[in-house]
Amino acid sequence: MKSFTYTVKDELGIHARPAGLLAKAAGAYKSVVMIDNGTKKADAKRLMAIMSMGVKKGVTVTVTVEGEDEDIAAAAIEEFFKTNL
């Protein structure tokens, strides 16, 4: 299992556009990708699950990746967060 933490810098937090892109990016891998904001957890492959978390700017999330392609997936998802959020 791989994990990393990230503090959201986007002014709107994790809103519809980046949530959709995140779900698409996570869906490209076989590994399970979970996001935890300390109070809620969501499957990163499910757009509505991500949106229901209500992550705002300044919130630190922990992302865990577990599965057969976890090394590649974790690196790609972490880069996605740095680039888009």
PDB file of N, CA and C in Angstrom:
ATOM      1  N   MET A   1       0.841  -1.179   0.000  1.00  0.00           N
ATOM      2  CA  MET A   1       0.000   0.000   0.000  1.00  0.00           C
ATOM      3  C   MET A   1       0.887   1.244   0.000  1.00  0.00           C
ATOM      4  N   LYS A   2       0.527   2.199  -0.822  1.00  0.00           N
ATOM      5  CA  LYS A   2       1.219   3.482  -0.912  1.00  0.00           C
ATOM      6  C   LYS A   2       0.258   4.561  -0.432  1.00  0.00           C
ATOM      7  N   SER A   3       0.793   5.607   0.181  1.00  0.00           N
ATOM      8  CA  SER A   3      -0.066   6.715   0.582  1.00  0.00           C
ATOM      9  C   SER A   3       0.728   8.011   0.569  1.00  0.00           C
ATOM     10  N   PHE A   4      -0.001   9.111   0.462  1.00  0.00           N
ATOM     11  CA  PHE A   4       0.599  10.433   0.543  1.00  0.00           C
ATOM     12  C   PHE A   4      -0.459  11.391   1.067  1.00  0.00           C
ATOM     13  N   THR A   5       0.003  12.510   1.599  1.00  0.00           N
ATOM     14  CA  THR A   5      -0.928  13.548   2.045  1.00  0.00           C
ATOM     15  C   THR A   5      -0.750  14.755   1.146  1.00  0.00           C
ATOM     16  N   TYR A   6      -1.823  15.518   1.016  1.00  0.00           N
ATOM     17  CA  TYR A   6      -1.791  16.710   0.170  1.00  0.00           C
ATOM     18  C   TYR A   6      -2.743  17.748   0.741  1.00  0.00           C
ATOM     19  N   THR A   7      -2.287  18.989   0.815  1.00  0.00           N
ATOM     20  CA  THR A   7      -3.140  20.089   1.255  1.00  0.00           C
ATOM     21  C   THR A   7      -3.682  20.793   0.018  1.00  0.00           C
ATOM     22  N   VAL A   8      -4.992  20.826  -0.105  1.00  0.00           N
ATOM     23  CA  VAL A   8      -5.654  21.387  -1.284  1.00  0.00           C
ATOM     24  C   VAL A   8      -5.394  22.892  -1.373  1.00  0.00           C
ATOM     25  N   LYS A   9      -4.907  23.328  -2.543  1.00  0.00           N
ATOM     26  CA  LYS A   9      -4.562  24.730  -2.759  1.00  0.00           C
ATOM     27  C   LYS A   9      -5.553  25.443  -3.674  1.00  0.00           C
ATOM     28  N   ASP A  10      -6.380  24.693  -4.403  1.00  0.00           N
ATOM     29  CA  ASP A  10      -7.361  25.286  -5.311  1.00  0.00           C
ATOM     30  C   ASP A  10      -8.345  26.137  -4.520  1.00  0.00           C
ATOM     31  N   GLU A  11      -8.622  27.326  -4.997  1.00  0.00           N
ATOM     32  CA  GLU A  11      -9.525  28.264  -4.308  1.00  0.00           C
ATOM     33  C   GLU A  11     -10.902  27.666  -4.023  1.00  0.00           C
ATOM     34  N   LEU A  12     -11.373  26.795  -4.908  1.00  0.00           N
ATOM     35  CA  LEU A  12     -12.709  26.200  -4.758  1.00  0.00           C
ATOM     36  C   LEU A  12     -12.675  24.813  -4.120  1.00  0.00           C
ATOM     37  N   GLY A  13     -11.499  24.361  -3.724  1.00  0.00           N
ATOM     38  CA  GLY A  13     -11.386  23.024  -3.150  1.00  0.00           C
ATOM     39  C   GLY A  13     -11.504  21.974  -4.242  1.00  0.00           C
ATOM     40  N   ILE A  14     -11.960  20.789  -3.880  1.00  0.00           N
ATOM     41  CA  ILE A  14     -12.163  19.740  -4.881  1.00  0.00           C
ATOM     42  C   ILE A  14     -13.589  19.891  -5.393  1.00  0.00           C
ATOM     43  N   HIS A  15     -13.738  20.659  -6.462  1.00  0.00           N
ATOM     44  CA  HIS A  15     -15.055  20.921  -7.045  1.00  0.00           C
ATOM     45  C   HIS A  15     -15.269  20.024  -8.268  1.00  0.00           C
ATOM     46  N   ALA A  16     -16.345  20.227  -8.989  1.00  0.00           N
ATOM     47  CA  ALA A  16     -16.783  19.315 -10.044  1.00  0.00           C
ATOM     48  C   ALA A  16     -15.732  19.003 -11.105  1.00  0.00           C
ATOM     49  N   ARG A  17     -15.105  20.022 -11.671  1.00  0.00           N
ATOM     50  CA  ARG A  17     -14.159  19.775 -12.766  1.00  0.00           C
ATOM     51  C   ARG A  17     -12.984  18.905 -12.330  1.00  0.00           C
ATOM     52  N   PRO A  18     -12.231  19.296 -11.283  1.00  0.00           N
ATOM     53  CA  PRO A  18     -11.114  18.438 -10.896  1.00  0.00           C
ATOM     54  C   PRO A  18     -11.564  17.096 -10.315  1.00  0.00           C
ATOM     55  N   ALA A  19     -12.728  17.053  -9.697  1.00  0.00           N
ATOM     56  CA  ALA A  19     -13.229  15.772  -9.172  1.00  0.00           C
ATOM     57  C   ALA A  19     -13.485  14.805 -10.315  1.00  0.00           C
ATOM     58  N   GLY A  20     -14.051  15.304 -11.407  1.00  0.00           N
ATOM     59  CA  GLY A  20     -14.293  14.468 -12.584  1.00  0.00           C
ATOM     60  C   GLY A  20     -12.995  13.979 -13.198  1.00  0.00           C
ATOM     61  N   LEU A  21     -12.024  14.885 -13.292  1.00  0.00           N
ATOM     62  CA  LEU A  21     -10.718  14.498 -13.835  1.00  0.00           C
ATOM     63  C   LEU A  21     -10.015  13.499 -12.922  1.00  0.00           C
ATOM     64  N   LEU A  22     -10.157  13.685 -11.613  1.00  0.00           N
ATOM     65  CA  LEU A  22      -9.554  12.761 -10.653  1.00  0.00           C
ATOM     66  C   LEU A  22     -10.170  11.374 -10.779  1.00  0.00           C
ATOM     67  N   ALA A  23     -11.496  11.303 -10.881  1.00  0.00           N
ATOM     68  CA  ALA A  23     -12.174  10.018 -11.024  1.00  0.00           C
ATOM     69  C   ALA A  23     -11.723   9.311 -12.298  1.00  0.00           C
ATOM     70  N   LYS A  24     -11.551  10.072 -13.356  1.00  0.00           N
ATOM     71  CA  LYS A  24     -11.100   9.499 -14.624  1.00  0.00           C
ATOM     72  C   LYS A  24      -9.656   9.001 -14.499  1.00  0.00           C
ATOM     73  N   ALA A  25      -8.797   9.797 -13.862  1.00  0.00           N
ATOM     74  CA  ALA A  25      -7.399   9.414 -13.682  1.00  0.00           C
ATOM     75  C   ALA A  25      -7.279   8.158 -12.817  1.00  0.00           C
ATOM     76  N   ALA A  26      -8.030   8.112 -11.718  1.00  0.00           N
ATOM     77  CA  ALA A  26      -7.988   6.944 -10.825  1.00  0.00           C
ATOM     78  C   ALA A  26      -8.547   5.709 -11.514  1.00  0.00           C
ATOM     79  N   GLY A  27      -9.545   5.903 -12.370  1.00  0.00           N
ATOM     80  CA  GLY A  27     -10.167   4.796 -13.086  1.00  0.00           C
ATOM     81  C   GLY A  27      -9.253   4.120 -14.082  1.00  0.00           C
ATOM     82  N   ALA A  28      -8.151   4.760 -14.416  1.00  0.00           N
ATOM     83  CA  ALA A  28      -7.204   4.186 -15.367  1.00  0.00           C
ATOM     84  C   ALA A  28      -6.349   3.080 -14.741  1.00  0.00           C
ATOM     85  N   TYR A  29      -6.452   2.902 -13.433  1.00  0.00           N
ATOM     86  CA  TYR A  29      -5.619   1.924 -12.730  1.00  0.00           C
ATOM     87  C   TYR A  29      -6.475   0.841 -12.082  1.00  0.00           C
ATOM     88  N   LYS A  30      -5.864  -0.325 -11.901  1.00  0.00           N
ATOM     89  CA  LYS A  30      -6.567  -1.442 -11.266  1.00  0.00           C
ATOM     90  C   LYS A  30      -6.603  -1.293  -9.748  1.00  0.00           C
ATOM     91  N   SER A  31      -5.650  -0.553  -9.206  1.00  0.00           N
ATOM     92  CA  SER A  31      -5.561  -0.374  -7.757  1.00  0.00           C
ATOM     93  C   SER A  31      -6.766   0.384  -7.206  1.00  0.00           C
ATOM     94  N   VAL A  32      -7.034   0.154  -5.923  1.00  0.00           N
ATOM     95  CA  VAL A  32      -8.078   0.896  -5.207  1.00  0.00           C
ATOM     96  C   VAL A  32      -7.452   2.197  -4.721  1.00  0.00           C
ATOM     97  N   VAL A  33      -8.079   3.322  -5.069  1.00  0.00           N
ATOM     98  CA  VAL A  33      -7.578   4.642  -4.675  1.00  0.00           C
ATOM     99  C   VAL A  33      -8.627   5.269  -3.755  1.00  0.00           C
ATOM    100  N   MET A  34      -8.233   5.542  -2.515  1.00  0.00           N
ATOM    101  CA  MET A  34      -9.142   6.112  -1.522  1.00  0.00           C
ATOM    102  C   MET A  34      -8.629   7.471  -1.060  1.00  0.00           C
ATOM    103  N   ILE A  35      -9.572   8.390  -0.830  1.00  0.00           N
ATOM    104  CA  ILE A  35      -9.254   9.724  -0.312  1.00  0.00           C
ATOM    105  C   ILE A  35      -9.892   9.845   1.067  1.00  0.00           C
ATOM    106  N   ASP A  36      -9.125  10.334   2.035  1.00  0.00           N
ATOM    107  CA  ASP A  36      -9.607  10.490   3.407  1.00  0.00           C
ATOM    108  C   ASP A  36      -9.329  11.929   3.852  1.00  0.00           C
ATOM    109  N   ASN A  37     -10.377  12.652   4.253  1.00  0.00           N
ATOM    110  CA  ASN A  37     -10.176  14.030   4.714  1.00  0.00           C
ATOM    111  C   ASN A  37     -10.224  14.135   6.240  1.00  0.00           C
ATOM    112  N   GLY A  38     -10.192  13.004   6.917  1.00  0.00           N
ATOM    113  CA  GLY A  38     -10.217  13.006   8.379  1.00  0.00           C
ATOM    114  C   GLY A  38     -11.591  12.709   8.942  1.00  0.00           C
ATOM    115  N   THR A  39     -12.625  13.023   8.181  1.00  0.00           N
ATOM    116  CA  THR A  39     -13.985  12.727   8.631  1.00  0.00           C
ATOM    117  C   THR A  39     -14.725  11.808   7.659  1.00  0.00           C
ATOM    118  N   LYS A  40     -14.352  11.871   6.389  1.00  0.00           N
ATOM    119  CA  LYS A  40     -14.993  11.030   5.374  1.00  0.00           C
ATOM    120  C   LYS A  40     -13.939  10.376   4.500  1.00  0.00           C
ATOM    121  N   LYS A  41     -14.292   9.200   3.970  1.00  0.00           N
ATOM    122  CA  LYS A  41     -13.451   8.512   3.003  1.00  0.00           C
ATOM    123  C   LYS A  41     -14.253   8.321   1.729  1.00  0.00           C
ATOM    124  N   ALA A  42     -13.553   8.359   0.597  1.00  0.00           N
ATOM    125  CA  ALA A  42     -14.241   8.184  -0.680  1.00  0.00           C
ATOM    126  C   ALA A  42     -13.366   7.407  -1.649  1.00  0.00           C
ATOM    127  N   ASP A  43     -14.021   6.614  -2.479  1.00  0.00           N
ATOM    128  CA  ASP A  43     -13.363   5.916  -3.574  1.00  0.00           C
ATOM    129  C   ASP A  43     -13.097   6.967  -4.649  1.00  0.00           C
ATOM    130  N   ALA A  44     -11.827   7.154  -5.013  1.00  0.00           N
ATOM    131  CA  ALA A  44     -11.470   8.197  -5.974  1.00  0.00           C
ATOM    132  C   ALA A  44     -11.958   7.904  -7.387  1.00  0.00           C
ATOM    133  N   LYS A  45     -12.480   6.717  -7.619  1.00  0.00           N
ATOM    134  CA  LYS A  45     -13.013   6.380  -8.941  1.00  0.00           C
ATOM    135  C   LYS A  45     -14.478   6.787  -9.076  1.00  0.00           C
ATOM    136  N   ARG A  46     -15.076   7.259  -7.986  1.00  0.00           N
ATOM    137  CA  ARG A  46     -16.501   7.611  -7.986  1.00  0.00           C
ATOM    138  C   ARG A  46     -16.672   9.121  -7.799  1.00  0.00           C
ATOM    139  N   LEU A  47     -17.083   9.793  -8.844  1.00  0.00           N
ATOM    140  CA  LEU A  47     -17.229  11.248  -8.853  1.00  0.00           C
ATOM    141  C   LEU A  47     -18.106  11.745  -7.708  1.00  0.00           C
ATOM    142  N   MET A  48     -19.275  11.157  -7.545  1.00  0.00           N
ATOM    143  CA  MET A  48     -20.197  11.636  -6.511  1.00  0.00           C
ATOM    144  C   MET A  48     -19.640  11.409  -5.102  1.00  0.00           C
ATOM    145  N   ALA A  49     -18.876  10.355  -4.924  1.00  0.00           N
ATOM    146  CA  ALA A  49     -18.249  10.103  -3.620  1.00  0.00           C
ATOM    147  C   ALA A  49     -17.234  11.202  -3.302  1.00  0.00           C
ATOM    148  N   ILE A  50     -16.457  11.585  -4.311  1.00  0.00           N
ATOM    149  CA  ILE A  50     -15.475  12.658  -4.120  1.00  0.00           C
ATOM    150  C   ILE A  50     -16.199  13.969  -3.790  1.00  0.00           C
ATOM    151  N   MET A  51     -17.233  14.280  -4.555  1.00  0.00           N
ATOM    152  CA  MET A  51     -17.974  15.523  -4.360  1.00  0.00           C
ATOM    153  C   MET A  51     -18.636  15.574  -2.988  1.00  0.00           C
ATOM    154  N   SER A  52     -19.114  14.436  -2.495  1.00  0.00           N
ATOM    155  CA  SER A  52     -19.810  14.408  -1.207  1.00  0.00           C
ATOM    156  C   SER A  52     -18.878  14.703  -0.030  1.00  0.00           C
ATOM    157  N   MET A  53     -17.579  14.615  -0.248  1.00  0.00           N
ATOM    158  CA  MET A  53     -16.631  14.903   0.824  1.00  0.00           C
ATOM    159  C   MET A  53     -16.593  16.392   1.157  1.00  0.00           C
ATOM    160  N   GLY A  54     -16.874  17.231   0.191  1.00  0.00           N
ATOM    161  CA  GLY A  54     -16.882  18.674   0.425  1.00  0.00           C
ATOM    162  C   GLY A  54     -15.532  19.242   0.830  1.00  0.00           C
ATOM    163  N   VAL A  55     -14.466  18.792   0.190  1.00  0.00           N
ATOM    164  CA  VAL A  55     -13.118  19.237   0.548  1.00  0.00           C
ATOM    165  C   VAL A  55     -12.892  20.676   0.069  1.00  0.00           C
ATOM    166  N   LYS A  56     -12.548  21.542   0.999  1.00  0.00           N
ATOM    167  CA  LYS A  56     -12.320  22.963   0.726  1.00  0.00           C
ATOM    168  C   LYS A  56     -10.823  23.262   0.667  1.00  0.00           C
ATOM    169  N   LYS A  57     -10.498  24.462   0.226  1.00  0.00           N
ATOM    170  CA  LYS A  57      -9.104  24.913   0.196  1.00  0.00           C
ATOM    171  C   LYS A  57      -8.522  24.852   1.604  1.00  0.00           C
ATOM    172  N   GLY A  58      -7.275  24.372   1.715  1.00  0.00           N
ATOM    173  CA  GLY A  58      -6.589  24.312   2.998  1.00  0.00           C
ATOM    174  C   GLY A  58      -6.758  23.007   3.743  1.00  0.00           C
ATOM    175  N   VAL A  59      -7.659  22.145   3.260  1.00  0.00           N
ATOM    176  CA  VAL A  59      -7.886  20.848   3.903  1.00  0.00           C
ATOM    177  C   VAL A  59      -6.808  19.869   3.440  1.00  0.00           C
ATOM    178  N   THR A  60      -6.245  19.123   4.377  1.00  0.00           N
ATOM    179  CA  THR A  60      -5.257  18.110   4.042  1.00  0.00           C
ATOM    180  C   THR A  60      -5.955  16.757   3.914  1.00  0.00           C
ATOM    181  N   VAL A  61      -5.726  16.112   2.778  1.00  0.00           N
ATOM    182  CA  VAL A  61      -6.305  14.794   2.541  1.00  0.00           C
ATOM    183  C   VAL A  61      -5.194  13.754   2.492  1.00  0.00           C
ATOM    184  N   THR A  62      -5.536  12.537   2.859  1.00  0.00           N
ATOM    185  CA  THR A  62      -4.620  11.412   2.742  1.00  0.00           C
ATOM    186  C   THR A  62      -5.145  10.519   1.637  1.00  0.00           C
ATOM    187  N   VAL A  63      -4.291  10.210   0.693  1.00  0.00           N
ATOM    188  CA  VAL A  63      -4.665   9.351  -0.423  1.00  0.00           C
ATOM    189  C   VAL A  63      -3.917   8.037  -0.276  1.00  0.00           C
ATOM    190  N   THR A  64      -4.660   6.931  -0.299  1.00  0.00           N
ATOM    191  CA  THR A  64      -4.040   5.607  -0.232  1.00  0.00           C
ATOM    192  C   THR A  64      -4.327   4.866  -1.525  1.00  0.00           C
ATOM    193  N   VAL A  65      -3.323   4.133  -1.984  1.00  0.00           N
ATOM    194  CA  VAL A  65      -3.428   3.366  -3.219  1.00  0.00           C
ATOM    195  C   VAL A  65      -2.966   1.955  -2.913  1.00  0.00           C
ATOM    196  N   GLU A  66      -3.822   0.990  -3.229  1.00  0.00           N
ATOM    197  CA  GLU A  66      -3.487  -0.400  -2.930  1.00  0.00           C
ATOM    198  C   GLU A  66      -3.927  -1.286  -4.082  1.00  0.00           C
ATOM    199  N   GLY A  67      -2.991  -2.091  -4.585  1.00  0.00           N
ATOM    200  CA  GLY A  67      -3.311  -3.009  -5.672  1.00  0.00           C
ATOM    201  C   GLY A  67      -2.075  -3.353  -6.481  1.00  0.00           C
ATOM    202  N   GLU A  68      -2.303  -4.056  -7.562  1.00  0.00           N
ATOM    203  CA  GLU A  68      -1.185  -4.581  -8.349  1.00  0.00           C
ATOM    204  C   GLU A  68      -0.365  -3.504  -9.051  1.00  0.00           C
ATOM    205  N   ASP A  69      -0.955  -2.366  -9.366  1.00  0.00           N
ATOM    206  CA  ASP A  69      -0.207  -1.287 -10.028  1.00  0.00           C
ATOM    207  C   ASP A  69      -0.082  -0.054  -9.125  1.00  0.00           C
ATOM    208  N   GLU A  70      -0.002  -0.292  -7.809  1.00  0.00           N
ATOM    209  CA  GLU A  70      -0.025   0.810  -6.839  1.00  0.00           C
ATOM    210  C   GLU A  70       1.142   1.782  -6.979  1.00  0.00           C
ATOM    211  N   ASP A  71       2.313   1.302  -7.354  1.00  0.00           N
ATOM    212  CA  ASP A  71       3.464   2.199  -7.481  1.00  0.00           C
ATOM    213  C   ASP A  71       3.229   3.248  -8.563  1.00  0.00           C
ATOM    214  N   ILE A  72       2.820   2.790  -9.724  1.00  0.00           N
ATOM    215  CA  ILE A  72       2.570   3.691 -10.853  1.00  0.00           C
ATOM    216  C   ILE A  72       1.363   4.578 -10.551  1.00  0.00           C
ATOM    217  N   ALA A  73       0.310   3.976 -10.026  1.00  0.00           N
ATOM    218  CA  ALA A  73      -0.924   4.716  -9.740  1.00  0.00           C
ATOM    219  C   ALA A  73      -0.686   5.796  -8.694  1.00  0.00           C
ATOM    220  N   ALA A  74       0.014   5.475  -7.622  1.00  0.00           N
ATOM    221  CA  ALA A  74       0.264   6.457  -6.553  1.00  0.00           C
ATOM    222  C   ALA A  74       1.056   7.643  -7.087  1.00  0.00           C
ATOM    223  N   ALA A  75       2.065   7.377  -7.888  1.00  0.00           N
ATOM    224  CA  ALA A  75       2.874   8.455  -8.454  1.00  0.00           C
ATOM    225  C   ALA A  75       2.026   9.342  -9.369  1.00  0.00           C
ATOM    226  N   ALA A  76       1.195   8.727 -10.192  1.00  0.00           N
ATOM    227  CA  ALA A  76       0.360   9.479 -11.130  1.00  0.00           C
ATOM    228  C   ALA A  76      -0.699  10.302 -10.403  1.00  0.00           C
ATOM    229  N   ILE A  77      -1.340   9.723  -9.392  1.00  0.00           N
ATOM    230  CA  ILE A  77      -2.384  10.442  -8.653  1.00  0.00           C
ATOM    231  C   ILE A  77      -1.770  11.578  -7.839  1.00  0.00           C
ATOM    232  N   GLU A  78      -0.592  11.350  -7.260  1.00  0.00           N
ATOM    233  CA  GLU A  78       0.066  12.427  -6.511  1.00  0.00           C
ATOM    234  C   GLU A  78       0.411  13.582  -7.455  1.00  0.00           C
ATOM    235  N   GLU A  79       0.897  13.274  -8.641  1.00  0.00           N
ATOM    236  CA  GLU A  79       1.204  14.309  -9.626  1.00  0.00           C
ATOM    237  C   GLU A  79      -0.070  15.048 -10.046  1.00  0.00           C
ATOM    238  N   PHE A  80      -1.176  14.314 -10.172  1.00  0.00           N
ATOM    239  CA  PHE A  80      -2.469  14.932 -10.505  1.00  0.00           C
ATOM    240  C   PHE A  80      -2.839  15.967  -9.441  1.00  0.00           C
ATOM    241  N   PHE A  81      -2.720  15.595  -8.176  1.00  0.00           N
ATOM    242  CA  PHE A  81      -3.054  16.527  -7.092  1.00  0.00           C
ATOM    243  C   PHE A  81      -2.180  17.781  -7.170  1.00  0.00           C
ATOM    244  N   LYS A  82      -0.880  17.608  -7.380  1.00  0.00           N
ATOM    245  CA  LYS A  82       0.048  18.741  -7.431  1.00  0.00           C
ATOM    246  C   LYS A  82      -0.271  19.663  -8.606  1.00  0.00           C
ATOM    247  N   THR A  83      -0.681  19.083  -9.710  1.00  0.00           N
ATOM    248  CA  THR A  83      -0.946  19.851 -10.924  1.00  0.00           C
ATOM    249  C   THR A  83      -2.312  20.518 -10.928  1.00  0.00           C
ATOM    250  N   ASN A  84      -3.344  19.835 -10.399  1.00  0.00           N
ATOM    251  CA  ASN A  84      -4.724  20.287 -10.534  1.00  0.00           C
ATOM    252  C   ASN A  84      -5.390  20.803  -9.270  1.00  0.00           C
ATOM    253  N   LEU A  85      -4.847  20.509  -8.110  1.00  0.00           N
ATOM    254  CA  LEU A  85      -5.507  20.902  -6.877  1.00  0.00           C
ATOM    255  C   LEU A  85      -4.551  21.660  -5.957  1.00  0.00           C
TER     256      LEU A  85
END
